[in-house]
Amino acid sequence: MIASHRHHGYCLCGAVKLTLDIERPTLSACHCSMCRRWGGGPLLSVDSHGVPALEGEEHISVYASSEWAERGFCSRCGSHLFYRLRDGNWYSVSPGLFDESGTWPFELQVFVDDKPDNYAFANKTLEMTGEQVVALFAK
């Protein structure tokens, strides 16, 4: 599926570039303990609905964070690039890589049952527990 909107992003040092084809990108936040440990807080992301085009792949390091998922980052500057499922082409990409991401609506929070009490988003979003998320991907 070719979307009508192409979005170009890059890591902090510019060694890795990503291109996403998404007609209507939206932001999500994951509150699971692994995402919070990785980034120091909730992981904000945009789902790519397929494999993003990547340049500078020699600068991408991948960490297998679980049996089903991997996290990618730039080996030069450490920028978080993506979270991806190991058995498919589903990527969740860091929105901070894209200049225009500040205009994308924030619509979903996952693993809300793992969210600590010391922060909260003001935005009204769809909220899913960890059990709901796991059930969705188990289909």
C-alpha atoms as a PDB file:
ATOM      1  CA  MET A   1       0.000   0.000   0.000  1.00  0.00           C
ATOM      2  CA  ILE A   2       1.452   3.358  -1.022  1.00  0.00           C
ATOM      3  CA  ALA A   3       0.310   6.207   1.159  1.00  0.00           C
ATOM      4  CA  SER A   4      -0.058   9.706  -0.183  1.00  0.00           C
ATOM      5  CA  HIS A   5       2.183  11.345   2.417  1.00  0.00           C
ATOM      6  CA  ARG A   6       5.914  10.720   2.641  1.00  0.00           C
ATOM      7  CA  HIS A   7       7.716  11.708   5.845  1.00  0.00           C
ATOM      8  CA  HIS A   8      11.504  12.014   6.093  1.00  0.00           C
ATOM      9  CA  GLY A   9      13.343  11.855   9.396  1.00  0.00           C
ATOM     10  CA  TYR A  10      16.841  11.475  10.723  1.00  0.00           C
ATOM     11  CA  CYS A  11      18.725  10.751  13.920  1.00  0.00           C
ATOM     12  CA  LEU A  12      20.534  13.369  15.990  1.00  0.00           C
ATOM     13  CA  CYS A  13      23.830  13.046  14.083  1.00  0.00           C
ATOM     14  CA  GLY A  14      22.220  12.478  10.658  1.00  0.00           C
ATOM     15  CA  ALA A  15      23.921   9.101  10.069  1.00  0.00           C
ATOM     16  CA  VAL A  16      20.545   7.310   9.848  1.00  0.00           C
ATOM     17  CA  LYS A  17      17.659   8.549   7.724  1.00  0.00           C
ATOM     18  CA  LEU A  18      14.162   7.089   7.626  1.00  0.00           C
ATOM     19  CA  THR A  19      11.297   7.538   5.214  1.00  0.00           C
ATOM     20  CA  LEU A  20       7.726   6.607   6.132  1.00  0.00           C
ATOM     21  CA  ASP A  21       4.720   6.538   3.839  1.00  0.00           C
ATOM     22  CA  ILE A  22       1.758   7.310   6.095  1.00  0.00           C
ATOM     23  CA  GLU A  23      -1.318   9.229   5.062  1.00  0.00           C
ATOM     24  CA  ARG A  24      -2.439  10.076   8.606  1.00  0.00           C
ATOM     25  CA  PRO A  25       0.297   9.571  11.198  1.00  0.00           C
ATOM     26  CA  THR A  26      -0.746   9.487  14.853  1.00  0.00           C
ATOM     27  CA  LEU A  27       1.263   9.314  18.054  1.00  0.00           C
ATOM     28  CA  SER A  28       1.131   6.644  20.736  1.00  0.00           C
ATOM     29  CA  ALA A  29       2.735   6.315  24.149  1.00  0.00           C
ATOM     30  CA  CYS A  30       3.844   3.060  25.760  1.00  0.00           C
ATOM     31  CA  HIS A  31       4.099   2.990  29.540  1.00  0.00           C
ATOM     32  CA  CYS A  32       5.562  -0.517  29.946  1.00  0.00           C
ATOM     33  CA  SER A  33       8.552  -0.881  32.232  1.00  0.00           C
ATOM     34  CA  MET A  34      10.883  -1.807  29.352  1.00  0.00           C
ATOM     35  CA  CYS A  35      10.048   1.317  27.336  1.00  0.00           C
ATOM     36  CA  ARG A  36      10.406   3.494  30.426  1.00  0.00           C
ATOM     37  CA  ARG A  37      13.797   1.934  31.197  1.00  0.00           C
ATOM     38  CA  TRP A  38      14.935   2.415  27.576  1.00  0.00           C
ATOM     39  CA  GLY A  39      14.036   6.082  27.366  1.00  0.00           C
ATOM     40  CA  GLY A  40      13.589   7.322  30.922  1.00  0.00           C
ATOM     41  CA  GLY A  41       9.849   7.791  30.479  1.00  0.00           C
ATOM     42  CA  PRO A  42       7.007   6.655  28.244  1.00  0.00           C
ATOM     43  CA  LEU A  43       8.031   5.772  24.697  1.00  0.00           C
ATOM     44  CA  LEU A  44       6.338   8.039  22.172  1.00  0.00           C
ATOM     45  CA  SER A  45       5.990   6.533  18.720  1.00  0.00           C
ATOM     46  CA  VAL A  46       4.290   6.567  15.341  1.00  0.00           C
ATOM     47  CA  ASP A  47       3.310   3.244  13.766  1.00  0.00           C
ATOM     48  CA  SER A  48       4.774   2.878  10.299  1.00  0.00           C
ATOM     49  CA  HIS A  49       2.337   0.199   9.038  1.00  0.00           C
ATOM     50  CA  GLY A  50       5.251  -1.443   7.221  1.00  0.00           C
ATOM     51  CA  VAL A  51       8.990  -1.360   6.966  1.00  0.00           C
ATOM     52  CA  PRO A  52      10.358   2.192   6.745  1.00  0.00           C
ATOM     53  CA  ALA A  53      12.954   2.953   4.096  1.00  0.00           C
ATOM     54  CA  LEU A  54      16.276   3.216   5.918  1.00  0.00           C
ATOM     55  CA  GLU A  55      19.546   4.876   4.895  1.00  0.00           C
ATOM     56  CA  GLY A  56      22.711   4.435   6.896  1.00  0.00           C
ATOM     57  CA  GLU A  57      21.829   0.917   8.022  1.00  0.00           C
ATOM     58  CA  GLU A  58      25.486   0.323   8.922  1.00  0.00           C
ATOM     59  CA  HIS A  59      24.912   2.777  11.793  1.00  0.00           C
ATOM     60  CA  ILE A  60      21.852   0.958  13.165  1.00  0.00           C
ATOM     61  CA  SER A  61      22.329  -1.298  16.176  1.00  0.00           C
ATOM     62  CA  VAL A  62      19.509  -3.610  17.168  1.00  0.00           C
ATOM     63  CA  TYR A  63      18.834  -5.001  20.619  1.00  0.00           C
ATOM     64  CA  ALA A  64      16.532  -8.026  21.065  1.00  0.00           C
ATOM     65  CA  SER A  65      14.590  -6.742  24.066  1.00  0.00           C
ATOM     66  CA  SER A  66      12.209  -9.697  24.239  1.00  0.00           C
ATOM     67  CA  GLU A  67      11.318 -12.921  22.452  1.00  0.00           C
ATOM     68  CA  TRP A  68       9.028 -11.005  20.099  1.00  0.00           C
ATOM     69  CA  ALA A  69      10.520  -7.523  19.681  1.00  0.00           C
ATOM     70  CA  GLU A  70      13.685  -5.561  18.932  1.00  0.00           C
ATOM     71  CA  ARG A  71      14.731  -1.957  19.503  1.00  0.00           C
ATOM     72  CA  GLY A  72      16.884  -0.076  17.035  1.00  0.00           C
ATOM     73  CA  PHE A  73      19.136   2.896  17.718  1.00  0.00           C
ATOM     74  CA  CYS A  74      21.887   4.854  16.000  1.00  0.00           C
ATOM     75  CA  SER A  75      25.271   3.429  16.986  1.00  0.00           C
ATOM     76  CA  ARG A  76      26.902   6.857  16.545  1.00  0.00           C
ATOM     77  CA  CYS A  77      24.640   9.221  18.498  1.00  0.00           C
ATOM     78  CA  GLY A  78      22.357   6.820  20.391  1.00  0.00           C
ATOM     79  CA  SER A  79      19.069   8.193  19.002  1.00  0.00           C
ATOM     80  CA  HIS A  80      16.151   5.815  19.460  1.00  0.00           C
ATOM     81  CA  LEU A  81      14.949   4.839  15.999  1.00  0.00           C
ATOM     82  CA  PHE A  82      12.334   2.113  16.288  1.00  0.00           C
ATOM     83  CA  TYR A  83      10.695  -0.729  18.137  1.00  0.00           C
ATOM     84  CA  ARG A  84       9.774  -3.591  15.819  1.00  0.00           C
ATOM     85  CA  LEU A  85       8.189  -7.016  16.030  1.00  0.00           C
ATOM     86  CA  ARG A  86      10.680  -9.737  15.137  1.00  0.00           C
ATOM     87  CA  ASP A  87       8.215 -11.864  13.161  1.00  0.00           C
ATOM     88  CA  GLY A  88       6.763  -9.240  10.834  1.00  0.00           C
ATOM     89  CA  ASN A  89       6.968  -5.815   9.340  1.00  0.00           C
ATOM     90  CA  TRP A  90       5.365  -3.755  12.132  1.00  0.00           C
ATOM     91  CA  TYR A  91       7.558  -0.845  13.192  1.00  0.00           C
ATOM     92  CA  SER A  92       6.906   1.746  15.839  1.00  0.00           C
ATOM     93  CA  VAL A  93       9.168   4.699  15.046  1.00  0.00           C
ATOM     94  CA  SER A  94      10.363   7.568  17.228  1.00  0.00           C
ATOM     95  CA  PRO A  95       8.383  10.675  16.204  1.00  0.00           C
ATOM     96  CA  GLY A  96      11.210  12.979  17.297  1.00  0.00           C
ATOM     97  CA  LEU A  97      13.074  11.966  14.138  1.00  0.00           C
ATOM     98  CA  PHE A  98      10.540  13.921  12.043  1.00  0.00           C
ATOM     99  CA  ASP A  99      10.335  17.716  12.024  1.00  0.00           C
ATOM    100  CA  GLU A 100       6.571  17.719  11.407  1.00  0.00           C
ATOM    101  CA  SER A 101       5.679  15.252  14.195  1.00  0.00           C
ATOM    102  CA  GLY A 102       4.540  18.136  16.415  1.00  0.00           C
ATOM    103  CA  THR A 103       1.425  18.380  14.247  1.00  0.00           C
ATOM    104  CA  TRP A 104       0.490  14.697  14.520  1.00  0.00           C
ATOM    105  CA  PRO A 105      -2.415  13.919  16.883  1.00  0.00           C
ATOM    106  CA  PHE A 106      -1.738  11.940  20.071  1.00  0.00           C
ATOM    107  CA  GLU A 107      -4.376   9.179  20.100  1.00  0.00           C
ATOM    108  CA  LEU A 108      -3.285   6.045  21.987  1.00  0.00           C
ATOM    109  CA  GLN A 109      -1.659   4.984  25.260  1.00  0.00           C
ATOM    110  CA  VAL A 110      -0.712   1.352  25.881  1.00  0.00           C
ATOM    111  CA  PHE A 111       0.276  -0.554  29.009  1.00  0.00           C
ATOM    112  CA  VAL A 112      -1.605   2.056  31.029  1.00  0.00           C
ATOM    113  CA  ASP A 113      -1.754  -0.433  33.900  1.00  0.00           C
ATOM    114  CA  ASP A 114       2.077  -0.172  34.127  1.00  0.00           C
ATOM    115  CA  LYS A 115       2.138   3.646  34.133  1.00  0.00           C
ATOM    116  CA  PRO A 116       3.583   5.083  37.336  1.00  0.00           C
ATOM    117  CA  ASP A 117       1.584   7.695  39.230  1.00  0.00           C
ATOM    118  CA  ASN A 118       4.172  10.482  38.904  1.00  0.00           C
ATOM    119  CA  TYR A 119       3.056  11.703  35.444  1.00  0.00           C
ATOM    120  CA  ALA A 120      -0.080  11.949  33.310  1.00  0.00           C
ATOM    121  CA  PHE A 121      -0.893  13.256  29.850  1.00  0.00           C
ATOM    122  CA  ALA A 122      -3.665  15.839  29.535  1.00  0.00           C
ATOM    123  CA  ASN A 123      -4.725  14.541  26.097  1.00  0.00           C
ATOM    124  CA  LYS A 124      -7.790  12.333  25.892  1.00  0.00           C
ATOM    125  CA  THR A 125      -6.654   9.126  24.171  1.00  0.00           C
ATOM    126  CA  LEU A 126      -7.684   5.545  23.709  1.00  0.00           C
ATOM    127  CA  GLU A 127      -6.111   3.604  26.595  1.00  0.00           C
ATOM    128  CA  MET A 128      -5.192  -0.084  26.532  1.00  0.00           C
ATOM    129  CA  THR A 129      -3.854  -2.333  29.280  1.00  0.00           C
ATOM    130  CA  GLY A 130      -0.920  -4.652  28.732  1.00  0.00           C
ATOM    131  CA  GLU A 131      -3.271  -7.619  28.532  1.00  0.00           C
ATOM    132  CA  GLN A 132      -5.302  -5.915  25.793  1.00  0.00           C
ATOM    133  CA  VAL A 133      -2.163  -5.103  23.778  1.00  0.00           C
ATOM    134  CA  VAL A 134      -0.801  -8.652  24.038  1.00  0.00           C
ATOM    135  CA  ALA A 135      -4.180 -10.062  22.979  1.00  0.00           C
ATOM    136  CA  LEU A 136      -4.265  -7.742  19.966  1.00  0.00           C
ATOM    137  CA  PHE A 137      -0.853  -8.892  18.710  1.00  0.00           C
ATOM    138  CA  ALA A 138      -1.591 -12.558  19.458  1.00  0.00           C
ATOM    139  CA  LYS A 139      -4.264 -12.598  16.734  1.00  0.00           C
END
